Amino acid sequence: MQRPPHFHGLVAGSVLLALASVADAQALFLARRAIGRIEQMAQSSPTTGAAYDVATVIVEVTADKVFETVKRLLAQNTQVRVTRSDDARRSIEFTDGTQIGGIQVNPLNDNLSQMMVSTAHPGIATSTTSTIVSRILAMCRELNVVCEQGQS
């Protein structure tokens, strides 16, 4: 039986499409396991005392809604001052006069977002990780989503 000249291309395309669907499903499965889990990291220099703290969470909310909530909560916080905001990148920077921080919200799909929070604090021995986590938990409550601290 004679096959049309584009038959092998159709078969290869079908196989690739099926593999892409499997990869998307696996990525979605992994993301589902990570939704609402706040992961964190901190590091400091033993010589200078300069340090940073980072936390991230994935939530089932649009990136725009998460970013608007973050901006509103920061505006209500009298202990910090927003120093820069970029709506197009969904990023915002802030300071309390001693430490600096930043938040970026990234869309993962139409209704799934990742929020990353970082702070840097020169010469301060205490970590801000617990404060970051408590602020993320407050943001999750505002958005009516369940978040919990990840296992260290």
N, C-alpha and C. Protein backbone atom coordinates (compact mmCIF):
# COMPACT_ATOMS: atom_id res chain seq x y z
N MET A 1 0.84 -1.17 0.00
CA MET A 1 0.00 0.00 0.00
C MET A 1 0.89 1.25 0.00
N GLN A 2 0.59 2.13 -0.88
CA GLN A 2 1.35 3.37 -1.03
C GLN A 2 0.78 4.42 -0.07
N ARG A 3 1.65 4.98 0.78
CA ARG A 3 1.22 6.02 1.72
C ARG A 3 1.46 7.39 1.09
N PRO A 4 0.60 8.35 1.43
CA PRO A 4 0.83 9.71 0.89
C PRO A 4 2.17 10.24 1.41
N PRO A 5 2.80 11.17 0.69
CA PRO A 5 4.12 11.66 1.08
C PRO A 5 4.14 12.35 2.43
N HIS A 6 3.07 12.89 2.89
CA HIS A 6 3.05 13.60 4.17
C HIS A 6 2.58 12.71 5.33
N PHE A 7 2.40 11.42 5.09
CA PHE A 7 1.92 10.50 6.11
C PHE A 7 2.84 10.46 7.33
N HIS A 8 4.14 10.33 7.11
CA HIS A 8 5.10 10.25 8.22
C HIS A 8 5.11 11.54 9.04
N GLY A 9 4.94 12.66 8.36
CA GLY A 9 4.87 13.94 9.07
C GLY A 9 3.64 14.01 9.96
N LEU A 10 2.51 13.49 9.48
CA LEU A 10 1.29 13.47 10.29
C LEU A 10 1.44 12.57 11.51
N VAL A 11 2.05 11.42 11.31
CA VAL A 11 2.27 10.49 12.43
C VAL A 11 3.20 11.14 13.46
N ALA A 12 4.30 11.71 13.00
CA ALA A 12 5.24 12.35 13.92
C ALA A 12 4.57 13.50 14.66
N GLY A 13 3.79 14.30 13.95
CA GLY A 13 3.08 15.41 14.59
C GLY A 13 2.09 14.92 15.63
N SER A 14 1.39 13.84 15.34
CA SER A 14 0.43 13.27 16.30
C SER A 14 1.13 12.78 17.56
N VAL A 15 2.28 12.11 17.37
CA VAL A 15 3.05 11.62 18.51
C VAL A 15 3.53 12.79 19.36
N LEU A 16 4.07 13.82 18.73
CA LEU A 16 4.55 14.99 19.47
C LEU A 16 3.41 15.68 20.22
N LEU A 17 2.25 15.78 19.59
CA LEU A 17 1.10 16.39 20.24
C LEU A 17 0.68 15.57 21.47
N ALA A 18 0.69 14.26 21.35
CA ALA A 18 0.34 13.40 22.49
C ALA A 18 1.36 13.56 23.61
N LEU A 19 2.65 13.61 23.27
CA LEU A 19 3.68 13.79 24.29
C LEU A 19 3.56 15.15 24.98
N ALA A 20 3.22 16.18 24.22
CA ALA A 20 3.05 17.52 24.80
C ALA A 20 1.88 17.51 25.78
N SER A 21 0.80 16.81 25.45
CA SER A 21 -0.35 16.72 26.34
C SER A 21 0.02 16.02 27.64
N VAL A 22 0.81 14.97 27.55
CA VAL A 22 1.26 14.25 28.74
C VAL A 22 2.14 15.15 29.60
N ALA A 23 3.05 15.89 28.97
CA ALA A 23 3.94 16.80 29.71
C ALA A 23 3.12 17.89 30.40
N ASP A 24 2.12 18.45 29.71
CA ASP A 24 1.26 19.47 30.33
C ASP A 24 0.51 18.89 31.52
N ALA A 25 0.01 17.68 31.39
CA ALA A 25 -0.72 17.04 32.48
C ALA A 25 0.20 16.80 33.68
N GLN A 26 1.42 16.38 33.42
CA GLN A 26 2.37 16.16 34.51
C GLN A 26 2.73 17.47 35.20
N ALA A 27 2.93 18.52 34.44
CA ALA A 27 3.25 19.83 35.02
C ALA A 27 2.08 20.31 35.87
N LEU A 28 0.85 20.13 35.38
CA LEU A 28 -0.32 20.54 36.14
C LEU A 28 -0.44 19.73 37.42
N PHE A 29 -0.15 18.43 37.36
CA PHE A 29 -0.19 17.58 38.56
C PHE A 29 0.81 18.08 39.60
N LEU A 30 2.03 18.39 39.15
CA LEU A 30 3.04 18.88 40.08
C LEU A 30 2.64 20.23 40.66
N ALA A 31 2.10 21.10 39.83
CA ALA A 31 1.65 22.42 40.33
C ALA A 31 0.53 22.24 41.35
N ARG A 32 -0.40 21.33 41.11
CA ARG A 32 -1.50 21.09 42.05
C ARG A 32 -0.98 20.69 43.43
N ARG A 33 0.10 19.92 43.46
CA ARG A 33 0.67 19.51 44.74
C ARG A 33 1.34 20.67 45.45
N ALA A 34 1.75 21.71 44.69
CA ALA A 34 2.46 22.85 45.27
C ALA A 34 1.54 24.01 45.60
N ILE A 35 0.30 23.98 45.14
CA ILE A 35 -0.60 25.10 45.36
C ILE A 35 -0.80 25.33 46.85
N GLY A 36 -0.61 26.58 47.25
CA GLY A 36 -0.85 26.97 48.63
C GLY A 36 0.29 26.67 49.59
N ARG A 37 1.33 26.02 49.13
CA ARG A 37 2.45 25.68 50.00
C ARG A 37 3.49 26.81 49.92
N ILE A 38 3.75 27.45 51.04
CA ILE A 38 4.71 28.55 51.09
C ILE A 38 6.09 27.96 51.31
N GLU A 39 6.96 28.17 50.34
CA GLU A 39 8.34 27.70 50.44
C GLU A 39 9.21 28.91 50.75
N GLN A 40 10.26 28.69 51.54
CA GLN A 40 11.09 29.82 51.96
C GLN A 40 12.56 29.46 52.00
N MET A 41 13.38 30.51 51.95
CA MET A 41 14.82 30.34 52.02
C MET A 41 15.41 31.60 52.63
N ALA A 42 16.45 31.44 53.42
CA ALA A 42 17.14 32.58 54.02
C ALA A 42 18.63 32.30 54.02
N GLN A 43 19.40 33.37 53.90
CA GLN A 43 20.86 33.23 53.95
C GLN A 43 21.44 34.52 54.50
N SER A 44 22.50 34.38 55.29
CA SER A 44 23.17 35.58 55.80
C SER A 44 24.68 35.37 55.78
N SER A 45 25.37 36.49 55.72
CA SER A 45 26.83 36.46 55.72
C SER A 45 27.34 36.52 57.15
N PRO A 46 28.16 35.57 57.56
CA PRO A 46 28.67 35.60 58.94
C PRO A 46 29.62 36.77 59.20
N THR A 47 30.21 37.32 58.16
CA THR A 47 31.17 38.41 58.37
C THR A 47 30.52 39.79 58.36
N THR A 48 29.59 40.02 57.43
CA THR A 48 28.99 41.36 57.33
C THR A 48 27.62 41.45 57.99
N GLY A 49 26.97 40.31 58.18
CA GLY A 49 25.62 40.32 58.73
C GLY A 49 24.55 40.60 57.70
N ALA A 50 24.95 40.94 56.47
CA ALA A 50 23.97 41.16 55.41
C ALA A 50 23.23 39.86 55.14
N ALA A 51 21.94 39.97 54.92
CA ALA A 51 21.14 38.76 54.74
C ALA A 51 19.98 39.01 53.79
N TYR A 52 19.41 37.92 53.31
CA TYR A 52 18.18 38.01 52.53
C TYR A 52 17.27 36.85 52.91
N ASP A 53 16.00 37.08 52.72
CA ASP A 53 14.97 36.07 52.94
C ASP A 53 14.08 36.06 51.70
N VAL A 54 13.66 34.87 51.29
CA VAL A 54 12.82 34.71 50.11
C VAL A 54 11.72 33.71 50.46
N ALA A 55 10.51 34.01 49.99
CA ALA A 55 9.41 33.05 50.13
C ALA A 55 8.58 33.11 48.85
N THR A 56 7.98 31.98 48.52
CA THR A 56 7.16 31.91 47.31
C THR A 56 5.95 31.04 47.58
N VAL A 57 4.86 31.34 46.88
CA VAL A 57 3.64 30.54 46.99
C VAL A 57 2.92 30.56 45.65
N ILE A 58 2.26 29.46 45.33
CA ILE A 58 1.43 29.35 44.14
C ILE A 58 -0.02 29.31 44.62
N VAL A 59 -0.87 30.16 44.01
CA VAL A 59 -2.28 30.20 44.40
C VAL A 59 -3.17 30.11 43.15
N GLU A 60 -4.36 29.57 43.36
CA GLU A 60 -5.33 29.47 42.27
C GLU A 60 -6.16 30.74 42.20
N VAL A 61 -5.51 31.81 41.78
CA VAL A 61 -6.12 33.13 41.62
C VAL A 61 -5.40 33.80 40.47
N THR A 62 -6.09 34.64 39.72
CA THR A 62 -5.43 35.33 38.62
C THR A 62 -4.31 36.22 39.14
N ALA A 63 -3.28 36.38 38.34
CA ALA A 63 -2.12 37.19 38.74
C ALA A 63 -2.53 38.64 39.00
N ASP A 64 -3.43 39.16 38.19
CA ASP A 64 -3.87 40.54 38.39
C ASP A 64 -4.56 40.72 39.74
N LYS A 65 -5.39 39.77 40.13
CA LYS A 65 -6.08 39.87 41.41
C LYS A 65 -5.09 39.75 42.57
N VAL A 66 -4.12 38.85 42.45
CA VAL A 66 -3.11 38.71 43.50
C VAL A 66 -2.33 40.02 43.62
N PHE A 67 -1.91 40.59 42.48
CA PHE A 67 -1.11 41.81 42.52
C PHE A 67 -1.91 42.98 43.11
N GLU A 68 -3.16 43.11 42.73
CA GLU A 68 -4.00 44.18 43.29
C GLU A 68 -4.15 44.02 44.80
N THR A 69 -4.29 42.79 45.27
CA THR A 69 -4.40 42.53 46.71
C THR A 69 -3.09 42.89 47.42
N VAL A 70 -1.97 42.51 46.83
CA VAL A 70 -0.66 42.83 47.40
C VAL A 70 -0.50 44.34 47.52
N LYS A 71 -0.83 45.07 46.45
CA LYS A 71 -0.69 46.53 46.47
C LYS A 71 -1.58 47.15 47.55
N ARG A 72 -2.80 46.66 47.66
CA ARG A 72 -3.73 47.20 48.66
C ARG A 72 -3.22 46.92 50.08
N LEU A 73 -2.74 45.71 50.33
CA LEU A 73 -2.23 45.37 51.67
C LEU A 73 -0.98 46.18 52.01
N LEU A 74 -0.11 46.40 51.04
CA LEU A 74 1.08 47.22 51.29
C LEU A 74 0.69 48.68 51.57
N ALA A 75 -0.30 49.18 50.85
CA ALA A 75 -0.74 50.56 51.06
C ALA A 75 -1.34 50.74 52.45
N GLN A 76 -1.94 49.70 52.99
CA GLN A 76 -2.55 49.76 54.33
C GLN A 76 -1.52 49.61 55.45
N ASN A 77 -0.34 49.12 55.12
CA ASN A 77 0.69 48.86 56.13
C ASN A 77 1.47 50.16 56.38
N THR A 78 1.31 50.73 57.55
CA THR A 78 1.97 52.00 57.88
C THR A 78 3.45 51.82 58.20
N GLN A 79 3.92 50.59 58.35
CA GLN A 79 5.33 50.34 58.67
C GLN A 79 6.23 50.31 57.45
N VAL A 80 5.65 50.25 56.25
CA VAL A 80 6.45 50.21 55.03
C VAL A 80 6.02 51.30 54.07
N ARG A 81 6.96 51.63 53.19
CA ARG A 81 6.70 52.63 52.15
C ARG A 81 7.03 51.99 50.81
N VAL A 82 6.12 52.08 49.85
CA VAL A 82 6.36 51.57 48.51
C VAL A 82 7.33 52.51 47.82
N THR A 83 8.42 51.96 47.28
CA THR A 83 9.43 52.78 46.61
C THR A 83 9.36 52.68 45.09
N ARG A 84 8.74 51.62 44.60
CA ARG A 84 8.63 51.43 43.14
C ARG A 84 7.53 50.41 42.88
N SER A 85 6.74 50.67 41.85
CA SER A 85 5.70 49.73 41.46
C SER A 85 5.65 49.66 39.94
N ASP A 86 5.59 48.46 39.41
CA ASP A 86 5.53 48.25 37.96
C ASP A 86 4.35 47.33 37.68
N ASP A 87 3.23 47.94 37.30
CA ASP A 87 2.01 47.16 37.06
C ASP A 87 2.18 46.18 35.90
N ALA A 88 2.92 46.55 34.86
CA ALA A 88 3.09 45.67 33.71
C ALA A 88 3.83 44.39 34.09
N ARG A 89 4.82 44.51 34.97
CA ARG A 89 5.59 43.34 35.42
C ARG A 89 4.98 42.72 36.67
N ARG A 90 3.98 43.36 37.24
CA ARG A 90 3.36 42.94 38.50
C ARG A 90 4.42 42.83 39.59
N SER A 91 5.23 43.87 39.71
CA SER A 91 6.26 43.87 40.75
C SER A 91 6.17 45.17 41.55
N ILE A 92 6.56 45.05 42.81
CA ILE A 92 6.51 46.20 43.70
C ILE A 92 7.68 46.10 44.67
N GLU A 93 8.30 47.24 44.95
CA GLU A 93 9.41 47.28 45.90
C GLU A 93 9.02 48.17 47.07
N PHE A 94 9.56 47.87 48.24
CA PHE A 94 9.17 48.61 49.44
C PHE A 94 10.32 48.63 50.44
N THR A 95 10.18 49.48 51.45
CA THR A 95 11.19 49.56 52.51
C THR A 95 10.51 49.94 53.82
N ASP A 96 11.16 49.54 54.91
CA ASP A 96 10.70 50.00 56.23
C ASP A 96 11.72 50.99 56.81
N GLY A 97 12.64 51.44 55.97
CA GLY A 97 13.68 52.36 56.40
C GLY A 97 14.99 51.68 56.71
N THR A 98 14.94 50.42 57.05
CA THR A 98 16.14 49.64 57.35
C THR A 98 16.34 48.53 56.33
N GLN A 99 15.25 47.89 55.99
CA GLN A 99 15.29 46.75 55.07
C GLN A 99 14.60 47.13 53.77
N ILE A 100 14.97 46.43 52.71
CA ILE A 100 14.27 46.60 51.45
C ILE A 100 13.61 45.28 51.08
N GLY A 101 12.57 45.36 50.29
CA GLY A 101 11.87 44.15 49.89
C GLY A 101 11.25 44.31 48.52
N GLY A 102 10.85 43.21 47.98
CA GLY A 102 10.19 43.22 46.69
C GLY A 102 9.24 42.05 46.56
N ILE A 103 8.20 42.25 45.77
CA ILE A 103 7.22 41.21 45.50
C ILE A 103 7.00 41.19 44.00
N GLN A 104 6.97 40.00 43.42
CA GLN A 104 6.63 39.85 42.02
C GLN A 104 5.59 38.75 41.90
N VAL A 105 4.57 39.01 41.10
CA VAL A 105 3.50 38.04 40.86
C VAL A 105 3.58 37.61 39.40
N ASN A 106 3.68 36.31 39.19
CA ASN A 106 3.81 35.76 37.84
C ASN A 106 2.63 34.86 37.52
N PRO A 107 1.99 35.07 36.36
CA PRO A 107 0.92 34.15 35.96
C PRO A 107 1.51 32.83 35.49
N LEU A 108 0.93 31.72 35.94
CA LEU A 108 1.35 30.40 35.47
C LEU A 108 0.37 29.87 34.44
N ASN A 109 -0.90 30.25 34.58
CA ASN A 109 -1.92 30.06 33.55
C ASN A 109 -3.04 31.05 33.87
N ASP A 110 -4.20 30.89 33.28
CA ASP A 110 -5.27 31.89 33.45
C ASP A 110 -5.68 32.10 34.90
N ASN A 111 -5.66 31.05 35.71
CA ASN A 111 -6.15 31.16 37.08
C ASN A 111 -5.15 30.59 38.09
N LEU A 112 -3.87 30.64 37.77
CA LEU A 112 -2.83 30.10 38.64
C LEU A 112 -1.66 31.09 38.64
N SER A 113 -1.25 31.51 39.84
CA SER A 113 -0.21 32.54 39.95
C SER A 113 0.84 32.13 40.97
N GLN A 114 2.04 32.64 40.75
CA GLN A 114 3.13 32.46 41.71
C GLN A 114 3.50 33.84 42.24
N MET A 115 3.60 33.94 43.57
CA MET A 115 4.04 35.18 44.18
C MET A 115 5.38 34.91 44.85
N MET A 116 6.37 35.75 44.53
CA MET A 116 7.69 35.66 45.15
C MET A 116 7.91 36.93 45.98
N VAL A 117 8.38 36.74 47.20
CA VAL A 117 8.66 37.85 48.10
C VAL A 117 10.11 37.73 48.55
N SER A 118 10.83 38.84 48.50
CA SER A 118 12.21 38.82 49.00
C SER A 118 12.48 40.07 49.81
N THR A 119 13.34 39.92 50.81
CA THR A 119 13.79 41.07 51.58
C THR A 119 15.30 40.96 51.74
N ALA A 120 15.94 42.11 51.85
CA ALA A 120 17.37 42.16 52.11
C ALA A 120 17.56 43.08 53.30
N HIS A 121 18.42 42.68 54.20
CA HIS A 121 18.62 43.47 55.40
C HIS A 121 20.09 43.44 55.79
N PRO A 122 20.75 44.58 55.61
CA PRO A 122 22.18 44.64 55.91
C PRO A 122 22.43 44.78 57.41
N GLY A 123 23.23 43.88 57.94
CA GLY A 123 23.67 44.01 59.32
C GLY A 123 22.62 43.74 60.38
N ILE A 124 21.50 43.17 60.02
CA ILE A 124 20.46 42.83 61.00
C ILE A 124 20.52 41.32 61.22
N ALA A 125 20.70 40.93 62.45
CA ALA A 125 20.91 39.50 62.74
C ALA A 125 19.64 38.68 62.62
N THR A 126 18.48 39.28 62.80
CA THR A 126 17.25 38.50 62.80
C THR A 126 16.71 38.31 61.38
N SER A 127 16.16 37.15 61.14
CA SER A 127 15.57 36.82 59.86
C SER A 127 14.17 37.42 59.77
N THR A 128 13.79 37.80 58.55
CA THR A 128 12.44 38.31 58.33
C THR A 128 11.53 37.24 57.74
N THR A 129 12.01 36.02 57.65
CA THR A 129 11.23 34.95 57.02
C THR A 129 9.87 34.77 57.69
N SER A 130 9.82 34.77 59.02
CA SER A 130 8.53 34.57 59.70
C SER A 130 7.57 35.72 59.39
N THR A 131 8.09 36.93 59.26
CA THR A 131 7.24 38.06 58.89
C THR A 131 6.73 37.90 57.47
N ILE A 132 7.61 37.50 56.55
CA ILE A 132 7.19 37.28 55.17
C ILE A 132 6.09 36.23 55.10
N VAL A 133 6.29 35.12 55.78
CA VAL A 133 5.30 34.04 55.76
C VAL A 133 3.97 34.52 56.34
N SER A 134 4.01 35.26 57.44
CA SER A 134 2.75 35.74 58.03
C SER A 134 2.04 36.71 57.09
N ARG A 135 2.79 37.52 56.35
CA ARG A 135 2.18 38.45 55.37
C ARG A 135 1.58 37.67 54.20
N ILE A 136 2.26 36.61 53.76
CA ILE A 136 1.71 35.78 52.68
C ILE A 136 0.42 35.10 53.16
N LEU A 137 0.43 34.61 54.39
CA LEU A 137 -0.79 33.98 54.93
C LEU A 137 -1.93 34.99 54.99
N ALA A 138 -1.64 36.24 55.34
CA ALA A 138 -2.68 37.28 55.37
C ALA A 138 -3.21 37.54 53.97
N MET A 139 -2.32 37.57 52.98
CA MET A 139 -2.75 37.76 51.60
C MET A 139 -3.62 36.60 51.15
N CYS A 140 -3.26 35.38 51.53
CA CYS A 140 -4.07 34.21 51.17
C CYS A 140 -5.47 34.31 51.78
N ARG A 141 -5.55 34.75 53.05
CA ARG A 141 -6.86 34.92 53.68
C ARG A 141 -7.69 35.96 52.93
N GLU A 142 -7.07 37.05 52.52
CA GLU A 142 -7.77 38.09 51.75
C GLU A 142 -8.32 37.53 50.44
N LEU A 143 -7.59 36.61 49.84
CA LEU A 143 -8.00 36.02 48.56
C LEU A 143 -8.89 34.80 48.74
N ASN A 144 -9.16 34.42 49.99
CA ASN A 144 -9.98 33.24 50.29
C ASN A 144 -9.39 31.96 49.70
N VAL A 145 -8.06 31.81 49.82
CA VAL A 145 -7.40 30.58 49.41
C VAL A 145 -6.63 30.02 50.60
N VAL A 146 -6.44 28.73 50.61
CA VAL A 146 -5.74 28.08 51.71
C VAL A 146 -4.25 28.02 51.39
N CYS A 147 -3.45 28.54 52.30
CA CYS A 147 -2.00 28.47 52.17
C CYS A 147 -1.45 27.95 53.50
N GLU A 148 -0.33 27.27 53.41
CA GLU A 148 0.32 26.77 54.62
C GLU A 148 1.81 26.78 54.41
N GLN A 149 2.54 26.85 55.50
CA GLN A 149 3.99 26.87 55.44
C GLN A 149 4.49 25.51 55.00
N GLY A 150 5.41 25.50 54.03
CA GLY A 150 6.01 24.27 53.55
C GLY A 150 6.91 23.65 54.59
N GLN A 151 7.25 22.40 54.37
CA GLN A 151 8.16 21.71 55.28
C GLN A 151 9.57 22.17 55.03
N SER A 152 10.29 22.51 56.08
CA SER A 152 11.68 22.96 55.93
C SER A 152 12.62 21.79 55.80
